[in-house]
Protein backbone atom coordinates (compact mmCIF):
# COMPACT_ATOMS: atom_id res chain seq x y z
CA MET A 1 0.00 0.00 0.00
CA GLU A 2 1.26 3.49 -0.86
CA GLU A 3 2.49 5.37 2.21
CA LYS A 4 0.47 8.55 2.77
CA LYS A 5 1.06 11.26 5.32
CA VAL A 6 -1.51 11.30 8.12
CA LEU A 7 -2.84 14.86 8.32
CA LEU A 8 -5.38 14.33 11.10
CA SER A 9 -5.33 11.40 13.52
CA VAL A 10 -8.44 10.84 15.66
CA LYS A 11 -8.10 8.32 18.51
CA ASP A 12 -10.92 7.05 20.79
CA LEU A 13 -12.88 10.31 20.48
CA LYS A 14 -15.91 10.75 22.73
CA VAL A 15 -18.16 13.80 22.46
CA LYS A 16 -20.97 14.52 24.92
CA PHE A 17 -23.71 17.12 25.28
CA ARG A 18 -25.48 18.43 28.37
CA VAL A 19 -29.17 18.40 27.52
CA ARG A 20 -31.74 19.38 30.17
CA GLY A 21 -29.78 17.95 33.04
CA ARG A 22 -28.79 14.77 31.22
CA ILE A 23 -25.70 13.68 29.30
CA LEU A 24 -26.04 12.61 25.66
CA THR A 25 -23.04 10.79 24.13
CA ALA A 26 -23.03 11.78 20.45
CA ILE A 27 -19.62 10.32 19.45
CA ARG A 28 -18.65 7.04 21.11
CA GLY A 29 -14.99 6.10 20.71
CA VAL A 30 -14.28 7.01 17.08
CA SER A 31 -10.77 6.41 15.70
CA LEU A 32 -9.86 7.54 12.18
CA ASP A 33 -6.77 8.65 10.27
CA ILE A 34 -7.32 11.25 7.53
CA TYR A 35 -4.56 11.55 4.91
CA GLU A 36 -3.15 14.45 2.92
CA ASN A 37 -4.89 15.24 -0.41
CA GLU A 38 -7.52 12.53 -0.05
CA SER A 39 -11.32 12.76 -0.23
CA ILE A 40 -13.07 10.91 2.57
CA ALA A 41 -16.85 10.73 2.89
CA ILE A 42 -18.61 10.45 6.26
CA VAL A 43 -22.03 8.85 5.64
CA GLY A 44 -24.98 7.82 7.77
CA GLU A 45 -28.54 8.71 8.69
CA SER A 46 -29.49 12.03 10.26
CA GLY A 47 -28.41 12.00 13.92
CA SER A 48 -25.61 9.47 13.39
CA GLY A 49 -22.97 12.03 14.47
CA LYS A 50 -21.52 13.11 11.11
CA SER A 51 -21.59 16.88 11.66
CA VAL A 52 -20.72 16.65 15.37
CA PHE A 53 -17.66 14.55 14.51
CA THR A 54 -16.28 17.10 12.02
CA LYS A 55 -17.18 20.12 14.20
CA THR A 56 -14.61 18.88 16.72
CA PHE A 57 -11.86 19.52 14.11
CA ALA A 58 -12.64 23.24 13.94
CA GLY A 59 -13.74 23.94 17.51
CA MET A 60 -17.33 24.51 16.43
CA LEU A 61 -19.17 22.39 19.00
CA ASP A 62 -22.23 24.02 20.55
CA GLN A 63 -21.74 25.51 24.03
CA ASN A 64 -23.34 22.50 25.73
CA GLY A 65 -21.03 20.07 23.91
CA PHE A 66 -17.61 18.90 25.07
CA ILE A 67 -14.94 16.32 24.24
CA SER A 68 -14.83 13.96 27.21
CA ASP A 69 -12.07 11.66 25.98
CA GLY A 70 -9.70 10.97 23.11
CA SER A 71 -7.33 13.01 20.94
CA ILE A 72 -7.34 14.77 17.55
CA ILE A 73 -3.72 15.21 16.46
CA PHE A 74 -3.29 17.73 13.62
CA ASN A 75 0.05 17.21 11.85
CA ASP A 76 0.86 20.63 10.43
CA PRO A 77 4.60 21.58 10.61
CA GLU A 78 3.85 25.29 10.12
CA LEU A 79 1.51 25.46 13.15
CA ALA A 80 3.70 23.09 15.16
CA ASP A 81 6.83 25.26 14.87
CA THR A 82 6.88 27.67 17.84
CA THR A 83 9.21 30.56 18.64
CA VAL A 84 8.89 32.70 21.78
CA PRO A 85 10.84 36.01 21.97
CA MET A 86 12.80 36.25 25.23
CA LYS A 87 13.89 39.29 27.25
CA SER A 88 15.62 39.36 30.62
CA ALA A 89 12.27 39.33 32.47
CA ASP A 90 11.25 36.21 30.52
CA TRP A 91 14.49 34.41 31.33
CA ASN A 92 13.95 35.31 35.00
CA ARG A 93 10.50 33.67 34.88
CA VAL A 94 12.05 30.54 33.36
CA LYS A 95 14.66 30.42 36.16
CA SER A 96 11.95 30.94 38.79
CA ALA A 97 9.92 28.06 37.30
CA GLN A 98 13.05 25.88 37.25
CA HIS A 99 13.76 26.65 40.92
CA LYS A 100 10.21 25.63 41.89
CA LEU A 101 10.47 22.41 39.86
CA ASP A 102 13.78 21.59 41.59
CA THR A 103 12.03 22.05 44.94
CA TYR A 104 9.08 19.87 43.88
CA SER A 105 11.50 17.15 42.70
CA LYS A 106 12.15 16.25 46.34
CA LEU A 107 8.55 14.98 46.40
CA GLU A 108 9.49 12.38 43.75
CA LEU A 109 11.85 10.76 46.25
CA GLY A 110 8.90 9.79 48.46
CA ALA A 111 6.32 9.16 45.72
CA ALA A 112 5.94 5.43 46.46
CA THR A 113 5.22 6.18 50.15
CA TYR A 114 2.83 9.00 49.21
CA ARG A 115 0.83 6.58 47.03
CA LYS A 116 0.60 4.20 50.02
CA LEU A 117 -0.74 7.07 52.14
CA LEU A 118 -3.39 7.77 49.49
CA GLU A 119 -4.35 4.08 49.38
CA LEU A 120 -4.67 4.04 53.17
CA GLU A 121 -6.94 7.11 53.15
CA SER A 122 -8.96 5.68 50.28
CA GLU A 123 -9.46 2.44 52.20
CA LYS A 124 -10.70 4.39 55.25
CA LYS A 125 -13.06 6.46 53.10
CA ALA A 126 -14.50 3.28 51.59
CA ARG A 127 -15.23 1.98 55.11
CA THR A 128 -16.70 5.22 56.44
CA ASP A 129 -18.60 6.44 53.38
CA ILE A 130 -20.89 5.17 50.65
CA SER A 131 -19.09 3.30 47.85
CA GLU A 132 -18.61 5.04 44.51
CA GLU A 133 -20.74 2.39 42.77
CA GLN A 134 -23.64 2.83 45.20
CA SER A 135 -23.38 6.62 45.06
CA LYS A 136 -23.35 6.65 41.25
CA GLU A 137 -26.30 4.24 41.07
CA ILE A 138 -28.43 6.42 43.37
CA ASP A 139 -27.30 9.68 41.71
CA ASP A 140 -28.19 8.28 38.26
CA GLN A 141 -31.66 7.32 39.50
CA ILE A 142 -32.15 10.79 41.02
CA ALA A 143 -31.01 12.45 37.75
CA GLU A 144 -33.44 10.33 35.70
CA LEU A 145 -36.37 11.07 38.04
CA THR A 146 -35.48 14.79 38.06
CA PHE A 147 -35.52 14.80 34.25
CA GLN A 148 -38.93 13.09 34.18
CA LYS A 149 -40.23 15.56 36.80
CA VAL A 150 -39.08 18.55 34.69
CA GLU A 151 -40.69 17.01 31.59
CA ALA A 152 -43.95 16.60 33.52
CA MET A 153 -43.76 20.20 34.76
CA ASN A 154 -43.22 21.42 31.18
CA LEU A 155 -46.20 19.33 30.04
CA LYS A 156 -48.36 20.84 32.78
CA GLN A 157 -47.62 24.33 31.43
CA THR A 158 -49.12 23.36 28.05
CA ILE A 159 -52.45 22.13 29.48
CA ASP A 160 -55.43 24.51 29.59
CA PRO A 161 -56.78 24.19 33.18
CA SER A 162 -60.19 25.58 32.18
CA LYS A 163 -60.76 22.71 29.71
CA GLU A 164 -58.68 19.80 31.09
CA LYS A 165 -58.94 19.95 34.89
CA GLU A 166 -58.61 16.17 35.28
CA ARG A 167 -55.50 16.09 33.09
CA VAL A 168 -53.93 18.86 35.20
CA LYS A 169 -54.62 16.83 38.36
CA GLU A 170 -53.08 13.69 36.79
CA VAL A 171 -49.88 15.50 35.80
CA ALA A 172 -49.68 17.23 39.21
CA ALA A 173 -49.98 13.80 40.87
CA GLU A 174 -47.14 12.50 38.64
CA ILE A 175 -44.94 15.45 39.66
CA SER A 176 -45.69 14.81 43.33
CA ALA A 177 -44.86 11.10 42.90
CA PHE A 178 -41.50 11.98 41.28
CA GLU A 179 -40.69 14.35 44.15
CA LYS A 180 -41.45 11.62 46.71
CA GLN A 181 -39.25 9.10 44.87
CA ILE A 182 -36.40 11.63 44.68
CA LYS A 183 -36.74 12.40 48.41
CA ALA A 184 -36.75 8.68 49.22
CA LEU A 185 -33.53 8.13 47.25
CA GLU A 186 -31.83 11.11 48.91
CA ASP A 187 -32.85 9.80 52.35
CA ARG A 188 -31.57 6.34 51.43
CA LYS A 189 -28.19 7.75 50.44
CA LYS A 190 -27.92 9.70 53.72
CA ALA A 191 -28.88 6.58 55.69
CA ILE A 192 -26.19 4.47 54.00
CA ILE A 193 -23.55 7.14 54.70
CA LYS A 194 -24.64 7.37 58.35
CA GLU A 195 -24.63 3.58 58.72
CA HIS A 196 -21.08 3.27 57.31
CA HIS A 197 -19.87 6.19 59.43
CA GLU A 198 -21.27 4.72 62.67
CA ALA A 199 -19.86 1.25 61.90
CA ALA A 200 -16.37 2.67 61.28
CA LYS A 201 -16.58 4.92 64.34
CA ASN A 202 -17.26 1.92 66.58
CA ASP A 203 -14.43 -0.13 65.06
CA THR A 204 -11.78 1.15 67.49
CA GLU A 205 -9.26 -1.55 66.59
CA TYR A 206 -9.30 -0.54 62.90
CA LEU A 207 -9.04 3.19 63.75
CA LYS A 208 -6.05 2.53 66.03
CA HIS A 209 -4.34 0.47 63.32
CA TYR A 210 -5.11 3.19 60.73
CA GLU A 211 -3.61 6.00 62.84
CA GLN A 212 -0.50 3.91 63.56
CA GLN A 213 0.05 3.08 59.89
CA LYS A 214 -0.56 6.69 58.87
CA ALA A 215 1.97 8.03 61.39
CA GLU A 216 4.62 5.52 60.23
CA LEU A 217 4.09 6.36 56.55
CA LYS A 218 4.17 10.11 57.23
CA ALA A 219 7.49 9.81 59.09
CA GLN A 220 8.93 7.66 56.31
CA TYR A 221 7.67 10.15 53.67
CA ALA A 222 9.22 13.15 55.44
CA LYS A 223 12.58 11.35 55.70
CA GLN A 224 12.56 10.40 51.99
CA CYS A 225 11.62 13.91 50.84
CA ALA A 226 14.62 15.32 52.73
CA GLY A 227 16.99 13.51 50.33
CA THR A 228 19.06 14.96 47.48
CA VAL A 229 17.65 15.43 43.96
CA SER A 230 19.72 13.70 41.27
CA PRO A 231 21.66 15.71 38.60
CA GLU A 232 19.51 13.99 35.91
CA ALA A 233 16.31 15.31 37.50
CA LEU A 234 17.80 18.84 37.74
CA LYS A 235 18.75 18.72 34.04
CA ARG A 236 15.24 17.51 33.15
CA ASN A 237 13.73 20.37 35.19
CA GLU A 238 15.80 22.92 33.25
CA ILE A 239 14.28 21.68 29.96
CA LEU A 240 10.85 21.35 31.56
CA ALA A 241 10.88 25.00 32.71
CA LYS A 242 11.67 26.09 29.14
CA GLU A 243 8.89 23.87 27.77
CA ILE A 244 6.45 25.45 30.21
CA TYR A 245 7.38 28.90 28.92
CA LEU A 246 7.25 27.77 25.29
CA SER A 247 3.77 26.31 25.89
CA VAL A 248 2.36 29.57 27.29
CA GLY A 249 4.39 32.02 25.17
CA ARG A 250 1.47 32.75 22.80
CA TYR A 251 -0.69 34.14 25.64
CA GLY A 252 -0.76 37.72 26.92
CA LEU A 253 1.31 38.47 30.03
CA THR A 254 -1.50 38.20 32.61
CA ARG A 255 -2.82 34.95 31.18
CA ARG A 256 0.72 33.66 30.69
CA LEU A 257 1.55 34.07 34.39
CA LYS A 258 -1.69 32.32 35.42
CA MET A 259 -0.95 29.43 33.05
CA ILE A 260 2.59 29.07 34.40
CA SER A 261 1.16 28.78 37.94
CA LYS A 262 -1.34 26.15 36.80
CA LEU A 263 1.34 24.13 35.00
CA LEU A 264 3.69 24.29 37.99
CA GLU A 265 0.86 23.07 40.24
CA ALA A 266 0.13 20.25 37.77
CA PHE A 267 3.79 19.18 37.74
CA LYS A 268 3.98 19.38 41.54
CA LYS A 269 1.05 16.94 41.72
CA ALA A 270 2.66 14.69 39.07
CA MET A 271 5.96 14.59 40.96
CA GLU A 272 4.12 13.88 44.20
CA LEU A 273 2.49 10.85 42.54
CA GLY A 274 5.73 9.70 40.92
CA VAL A 275 4.72 10.23 37.28
CA ASP A 276 7.61 9.40 34.93
CA LEU A 277 8.22 12.85 33.40
CA ASN A 278 10.99 11.49 31.17
CA ASP A 279 8.29 9.60 29.27
CA ASP A 280 6.86 11.85 26.54
CA VAL A 281 3.36 10.36 26.75
CA GLN A 282 3.12 10.97 30.50
CA ARG A 283 4.69 14.43 30.24
CA ASN A 284 2.20 15.37 27.47
CA ALA A 285 -0.67 14.20 29.70
CA VAL A 286 0.41 16.57 32.49
CA PHE A 287 0.62 19.50 30.04
CA ASP A 288 -2.79 18.58 28.58
CA THR A 289 -4.50 19.33 31.90
CA VAL A 290 -3.73 23.02 31.22
CA THR A 291 -2.57 23.49 27.59
CA PHE A 292 -0.88 21.42 24.88
CA ARG A 293 2.87 20.87 25.22
CA VAL A 294 5.50 22.62 23.10
CA GLN A 295 8.60 20.45 23.03
CA TYR A 296 11.93 22.29 23.50
CA LEU A 297 14.33 22.17 20.52
CA ASP A 298 16.92 24.95 20.92
CA GLU A 299 17.46 28.53 22.07
CA THR A 300 19.42 31.73 21.50
CA ALA A 301 19.90 34.72 23.80
CA ASP A 302 16.68 36.31 22.55
CA ARG A 303 14.37 33.38 21.75
CA LEU A 304 13.18 29.89 22.69
CA HIS A 305 12.37 27.49 19.86
CA GLY A 306 10.22 24.35 19.99
CA THR A 307 7.65 22.22 18.25
CA CYS A 308 4.24 21.15 19.49
CA ILE A 309 1.97 18.16 19.14
CA LEU A 310 -1.25 19.93 18.25
CA ASN A 311 -4.12 18.06 19.91
CA LEU A 312 -7.32 19.78 18.75
CA ALA A 313 -9.28 17.99 21.49
CA LYS A 314 -7.36 20.05 24.06
CA VAL A 315 -7.46 23.48 22.36
CA ASN A 316 -9.53 25.89 24.47
CA TYR A 317 -7.92 29.26 23.74
CA SER A 318 -9.86 31.31 21.16
CA LYS A 319 -6.70 32.76 19.58
CA ASP A 320 -5.42 29.23 18.93
CA TRP A 321 -8.66 28.42 17.11
CA ASN A 322 -8.32 31.65 15.09
CA GLN A 323 -5.09 30.27 13.62
CA ILE A 324 -6.65 26.88 12.87
CA ARG A 325 -10.23 27.67 11.87
CA GLY A 326 -10.33 29.21 8.39
CA GLY A 327 -6.56 29.24 7.93
CA LYS A 328 -5.94 25.49 8.26
CA ILE A 329 -9.39 23.89 8.47
CA ALA A 330 -12.32 25.46 6.59
CA THR A 331 -15.98 24.47 6.26
CA VAL A 332 -18.54 24.69 3.46
CA PHE A 333 -22.05 24.43 4.94
CA GLN A 334 -25.16 23.06 3.25
CA ASP A 335 -27.19 26.27 3.00
CA PRO A 336 -25.27 29.04 1.18
CA MET A 337 -27.82 31.72 2.07
CA THR A 338 -27.32 31.31 5.83
CA SER A 339 -23.54 30.98 5.35
CA LEU A 340 -23.30 34.50 3.89
CA ASN A 341 -24.07 37.81 5.58
CA PRO A 342 -27.00 39.34 3.61
CA ILE A 343 -26.00 42.97 4.34
CA ILE A 344 -22.30 42.74 3.37
CA THR A 345 -21.12 42.61 -0.23
CA ILE A 346 -19.69 39.40 -1.66
CA GLY A 347 -16.25 40.95 -2.22
CA LYS A 348 -16.07 42.30 1.33
CA GLN A 349 -16.92 38.87 2.77
CA ILE A 350 -14.05 37.24 0.86
CA THR A 351 -11.46 39.97 1.51
CA SER A 352 -12.25 40.15 5.25
CA VAL A 353 -11.19 36.50 5.63
CA ILE A 354 -8.03 37.04 3.56
CA LEU A 355 -7.08 40.14 5.61
CA LYS A 356 -7.65 38.28 8.91
CA HIS A 357 -5.48 35.28 8.11
CA GLN A 358 -2.90 36.60 5.65
CA ASN A 359 -0.43 39.48 5.88
CA CYS A 360 -1.49 41.63 2.91
CA SER A 361 -2.97 45.01 1.99
CA GLU A 362 -6.61 45.62 0.99
CA ALA A 363 -5.59 45.97 -2.67
CA GLU A 364 -3.80 42.60 -2.56
CA ALA A 365 -6.79 41.02 -0.78
CA ARG A 366 -9.12 42.33 -3.50
CA ALA A 367 -6.87 40.95 -6.24
CA ARG A 368 -6.76 37.53 -4.56
CA ALA A 369 -10.54 37.57 -4.04
CA LEU A 370 -11.13 38.27 -7.74
CA ILE A 371 -8.82 35.40 -8.72
CA LEU A 372 -10.77 33.07 -6.40
CA MET A 373 -14.12 34.24 -7.78
CA LYS A 374 -12.93 33.41 -11.29
CA LYS A 375 -11.56 30.04 -10.18
CA VAL A 376 -14.93 29.02 -8.67
CA GLY A 377 -16.70 30.01 -11.88
CA ILE A 378 -18.22 33.44 -11.16
CA PRO A 379 -18.62 35.16 -14.57
CA ASN A 380 -17.72 38.84 -14.88
CA ALA A 381 -16.15 38.76 -11.38
CA GLU A 382 -14.99 42.43 -11.40
CA HIS A 383 -18.55 43.69 -11.91
CA ARG A 384 -20.10 41.23 -9.44
CA PHE A 385 -17.55 41.89 -6.69
CA ASP A 386 -19.72 44.53 -4.99
CA ASP A 387 -23.03 42.63 -5.36
CA TYR A 388 -24.98 41.39 -2.33
CA PRO A 389 -25.81 37.69 -1.72
CA PHE A 390 -29.48 38.13 -2.75
CA GLN A 391 -28.29 39.11 -6.24
CA TYR A 392 -26.73 35.64 -6.70
CA SER A 393 -28.50 32.34 -7.42
CA GLY A 394 -28.22 29.39 -4.98
CA GLY A 395 -25.48 27.70 -6.99
CA MET A 396 -23.52 30.97 -7.36
CA ARG A 397 -23.80 31.63 -3.61
CA GLN A 398 -22.39 28.18 -2.88
CA ARG A 399 -19.48 28.94 -5.22
CA ILE A 400 -18.78 32.08 -3.17
CA VAL A 401 -18.90 30.04 0.08
CA ILE A 402 -16.31 27.70 -1.47
CA ALA A 403 -14.18 30.71 -2.51
CA ILE A 404 -14.28 32.04 1.09
CA ALA A 405 -13.36 28.60 2.46
CA LEU A 406 -10.40 28.35 0.06
CA SER A 407 -9.25 31.96 0.47
CA CYS A 408 -6.52 30.98 2.94
CA GLN A 409 -5.62 27.69 1.23
CA PRO A 410 -6.60 25.37 4.11
CA LYS A 411 -5.20 21.88 4.57
CA ILE A 412 -8.66 20.40 5.27
CA LEU A 413 -11.96 21.41 3.64
CA ILE A 414 -15.01 20.09 5.49
CA CYS A 415 -18.01 19.94 3.17
CA ASP A 416 -21.15 19.56 5.28
CA GLU A 417 -23.73 18.37 2.73
CA PRO A 418 -22.86 21.32 0.44
CA THR A 419 -25.21 20.26 -2.36
CA THR A 420 -28.35 19.44 -0.33
CA ALA A 421 -30.02 22.84 -0.90
CA LEU A 422 -29.15 22.97 -4.60
CA ASP A 423 -30.80 21.95 -7.85
CA VAL A 424 -29.71 18.51 -9.14
CA THR A 425 -27.90 19.96 -12.18
CA ILE A 426 -26.09 22.50 -9.97
CA GLN A 427 -25.11 19.70 -7.55
CA ALA A 428 -23.03 18.02 -10.23
CA GLN A 429 -21.30 21.32 -11.08
CA ILE A 430 -20.40 22.01 -7.42
CA LEU A 431 -19.05 18.47 -6.93
CA GLN A 432 -16.93 18.78 -10.07
CA LEU A 433 -15.71 22.21 -8.92
CA LEU A 434 -14.59 20.81 -5.55
CA LYS A 435 -12.69 18.00 -7.27
CA ASP A 436 -11.03 20.35 -9.79
CA LEU A 437 -9.98 22.82 -7.11
CA GLN A 438 -8.57 19.99 -4.97
CA LYS A 439 -6.06 19.19 -7.73
CA GLU A 440 -4.93 22.83 -7.77
CA PHE A 441 -4.94 23.64 -4.03
CA ASN A 442 -3.99 20.15 -2.70
CA TYR A 443 -6.44 20.15 0.19
CA THR A 444 -8.07 17.18 1.90
CA ILE A 445 -11.86 16.93 1.52
CA VAL A 446 -13.97 15.58 4.39
CA PHE A 447 -17.40 15.20 2.80
CA ILE A 448 -20.46 14.77 5.03
CA THR A 449 -23.48 13.33 3.27
CA HIS A 450 -26.32 10.82 3.43
CA ASP A 451 -26.44 10.66 -0.39
CA LEU A 452 -24.47 7.60 -1.49
CA GLY A 453 -24.63 8.79 -5.10
CA VAL A 454 -22.54 11.82 -4.06
CA VAL A 455 -20.11 9.50 -2.25
CA ALA A 456 -19.44 7.55 -5.44
CA ASN A 457 -18.60 10.81 -7.24
CA VAL A 458 -16.25 12.49 -4.77
CA ALA A 459 -14.74 10.00 -2.29
CA ASP A 460 -11.56 7.95 -2.22
CA ARG A 461 -12.57 6.39 1.11
CA VAL A 462 -15.83 6.06 3.01
CA ALA A 463 -16.50 5.95 6.76
CA VAL A 464 -20.01 4.77 7.66
CA LEU A 465 -21.28 6.21 10.97
CA TYR A 466 -24.07 4.78 13.09
CA ALA A 467 -25.04 5.89 16.62
CA GLY A 468 -21.77 7.82 17.01
CA GLN A 469 -19.48 4.95 15.94
CA ILE A 470 -17.68 4.07 12.71
CA VAL A 471 -19.20 0.74 11.69
CA GLU A 472 -17.47 0.36 8.31
CA LEU A 473 -14.42 1.99 6.74
CA GLY A 474 -12.80 1.35 3.39
CA LYS A 475 -12.06 2.54 -0.11
CA VAL A 476 -15.13 3.64 -2.03
CA ASP A 477 -15.04 0.55 -4.29
CA GLU A 478 -14.79 -1.76 -1.27
CA VAL A 479 -17.73 -0.17 0.56
CA PHE A 480 -19.91 -0.02 -2.57
CA TYR A 481 -19.15 -3.36 -4.16
CA ASP A 482 -18.10 -5.46 -1.17
CA PRO A 483 -19.94 -4.01 1.87
CA ARG A 484 -19.73 -6.13 5.02
CA HIS A 485 -21.83 -4.37 7.69
CA PRO A 486 -25.63 -4.91 7.69
CA TYR A 487 -26.13 -1.15 8.16
CA THR A 488 -24.12 -0.45 4.99
CA TRP A 489 -26.22 -3.10 3.23
CA ALA A 490 -29.35 -1.26 4.38
CA LEU A 491 -28.05 2.15 3.23
CA LEU A 492 -27.14 0.80 -0.21
CA SER A 493 -30.48 -1.01 -0.49
CA SER A 494 -32.18 2.37 0.02
CA LEU A 495 -30.69 3.80 -3.19
CA PRO A 496 -33.67 4.82 -5.40
CA GLN A 497 -31.68 3.82 -8.51
CA LEU A 498 -31.82 0.16 -7.39
CA ALA A 499 -35.62 0.04 -7.01
CA GLN A 500 -37.44 -2.08 -9.61
CA ARG A 501 -40.58 -0.91 -11.34
CA ASN A 502 -43.82 -1.63 -9.43
CA THR A 503 -41.89 -2.44 -6.23
CA LYS A 504 -41.79 -0.56 -2.94
CA LEU A 505 -38.67 1.53 -2.26
CA TYR A 506 -36.62 -0.07 0.52
CA SER A 507 -36.40 1.76 3.85
CA ILE A 508 -34.62 0.87 7.09
CA SER A 509 -37.15 -0.17 9.74
CA GLY A 510 -37.08 1.18 13.28
CA THR A 511 -35.20 4.17 14.68
CA PRO A 512 -31.64 4.72 15.92
CA PRO A 513 -31.03 4.07 19.65
CA SER A 514 -31.27 6.81 22.28
CA LEU A 515 -27.80 8.19 22.96
CA TYR A 516 -28.81 9.23 26.47
CA ASN A 517 -28.62 5.61 27.61
CA LYS A 518 -25.76 3.15 27.75
CA ILE A 519 -26.03 0.92 24.68
CA VAL A 520 -25.59 -2.81 25.33
CA GLY A 521 -24.38 -4.89 22.39
CA ASP A 522 -24.42 -3.76 18.75
CA PRO A 523 -26.41 -0.48 18.51
CA PHE A 524 -27.83 -1.61 15.12
CA ALA A 525 -29.08 -4.93 16.54
CA PRO A 526 -32.79 -3.92 17.03
CA ARG A 527 -33.03 -2.88 13.36
CA ASN A 528 -30.82 -5.61 11.93
CA PRO A 529 -32.63 -8.45 10.09
CA TYR A 530 -29.37 -10.47 10.31
CA CYS A 531 -29.05 -9.98 14.08
CA LEU A 532 -27.26 -12.73 16.03
CA LYS A 533 -27.76 -13.43 19.73
CA ILE A 534 -24.34 -12.01 20.57
CA ASP A 535 -25.33 -8.70 18.90
CA THR A 536 -27.72 -8.08 21.79
CA LEU A 537 -25.06 -8.86 24.42
CA GLU A 538 -21.69 -7.52 23.29
CA ASP A 539 -20.47 -4.63 21.15
CA PRO A 540 -18.57 -6.14 18.20
CA PRO A 541 -14.88 -5.32 17.63
CA MET A 542 -13.61 -3.81 14.37
CA PHE A 543 -12.73 -6.71 12.04
CA GLN A 544 -10.19 -6.28 9.23
CA VAL A 545 -11.49 -7.39 5.83
CA SER A 546 -8.48 -6.23 3.80
CA GLU A 547 -5.52 -3.89 4.23
CA THR A 548 -7.83 -0.88 3.78
CA HIS A 549 -11.28 -2.29 4.62
CA PHE A 550 -12.73 -2.68 8.14
CA ALA A 551 -16.20 -3.47 9.49
CA LYS A 552 -17.62 -3.60 13.02
CA THR A 553 -19.97 -6.58 12.90
CA TRP A 554 -20.12 -10.03 14.51
CA LEU A 555 -20.95 -11.46 11.07
CA LEU A 556 -17.21 -11.29 10.30
CA ASP A 557 -16.31 -13.45 13.30
CA PRO A 558 -15.04 -16.84 12.06
CA ARG A 559 -17.62 -18.53 14.33
CA ALA A 560 -20.58 -16.63 12.83
CA PRO A 561 -22.90 -18.26 10.25
CA LYS A 562 -22.29 -17.17 6.67
CA MET A 563 -24.74 -14.49 5.52
CA GLU A 564 -25.25 -13.33 1.97
CA LYS A 565 -25.83 -9.62 1.40
CA PRO A 566 -29.36 -8.67 0.23
CA GLU A 567 -30.25 -9.56 -3.35
CA ILE A 568 -30.99 -5.91 -4.20
CA ILE A 569 -27.31 -4.94 -3.77
CA GLN A 570 -25.83 -8.01 -5.42
CA ASP A 571 -24.29 -6.95 -8.75
CA ILE A 572 -24.78 -3.34 -7.65
CA HIS A 573 -22.31 -2.17 -10.29
CA GLY A 574 -24.33 -3.66 -13.16
CA LYS A 575 -27.63 -2.37 -11.75
CA LEU A 576 -26.31 1.20 -11.44
CA MET A 577 -24.89 1.03 -14.97
CA ARG A 578 -28.31 -0.01 -16.29
CA ALA A 579 -30.11 2.60 -14.13
CA PHE A 580 -28.05 5.40 -15.66
CA ASN A 581 -28.03 3.87 -19.19
CA ILE A 582 -24.23 3.68 -19.17
């Protein structure tokens, strides 16, 4: 297989949303490598997580959304290269940070004993308090009942008391019942805590043994921490202090000082626990609690120089996103009218993006904007430069949205169903335009769609999403002509071009699972006509079909019975050829 450079590497990504007091898990452990200059399509039904998945690349999640786990490593040498100008005050801050790290290093000498102290305290807490499992179980029940109570209260507001008195009474009784159940659970939790506390309080032998052990460990810990820090640790701390300053160098002074304090506190805790800070993975993890790490490379009298591993899952600073969003990762949305500002001219909307991300004058920005307008097929661009969006047709507006997205020559172009709102003939033109411009600008296309006909036209690879997971991944030919997951079979069977005359168009029965709840087994199992017993019990692993083709289904397990794909998608190539009279 030809070696390609991985541009974006997603590992075990989990994305959650806070919705009315509950947590909805929209993306559940997705891993995917996206390569330079490729076109990859993300397909699936509405609500499968396609748009949420790609919004994580550009920091565009809604305010109630957050990445709870996983990483998104963006391999861009230009963004990774970091230089921080240094004056005497800056060098003094580096020395101060190094001095504090040297002091904290004494804690590493007693880390093993400190961990024993924590274990001892944890054991006591388990005896005197409610267990984490019990607490979580009760809290989850309370959260569910609270949600149902709020839903009932909202329902009550919609009922007309003058016409539906009995219904009002019924809903009020439901609310009262929920309140009683919540109170009962809260009382139960308090009773369990009290019971554990009293039992431990009366166990004098255990308490005596606990205090004795604690005193011994504390004395041992104090003695160990009074030792001498090794020269290797001091040398490591010198580099670590410089990495801390490199990692916060892009912030303003006030924020920079706050971040240095947070990082020093994080490293103090890591040293206390005995984290191996010579291991890059563990050192990165400590940095990630505050900001992503910039690795030290070299220095001069007036600068520090390093390189960073850019984990988009950990980027929280708006100025960082300003460098990435638009300049490195751009998006073309499905509705061109809502993507453009109706009261600003087309030319102004393109030049404003160029001026923000590129160091050029207004005259240069205008010249570049006109070149882009011509490249995306806007006729008479000079005369249409000062037109407003309402003076353009839908297809022309989408061409302008593409021009804006490409104005800074991004590495990744996310196309979020960009042809959905367009006429069928215009769709083909826009798809061809995206492919032609890709050859010139060398960007990677991430194409979100539920239209498999579009996939066949634009994609090199296809990732099929269902219930926030990738269930099949492969080259476009593999997924179209040799699909292995029952969900992919169902999607392909739904193609209108495959329907025979006087037959009913195939549709997938049932609905996707609720992402509020923990899903047991294969999430597609309730809708899967080929469902096996194990599908209802265990989530299938990702099986490898070929070097480039993977599918997440128990049907690929060697022990599974052999299943033939549906007749409607057998010889799909020939059927599509006949459907289009090719």
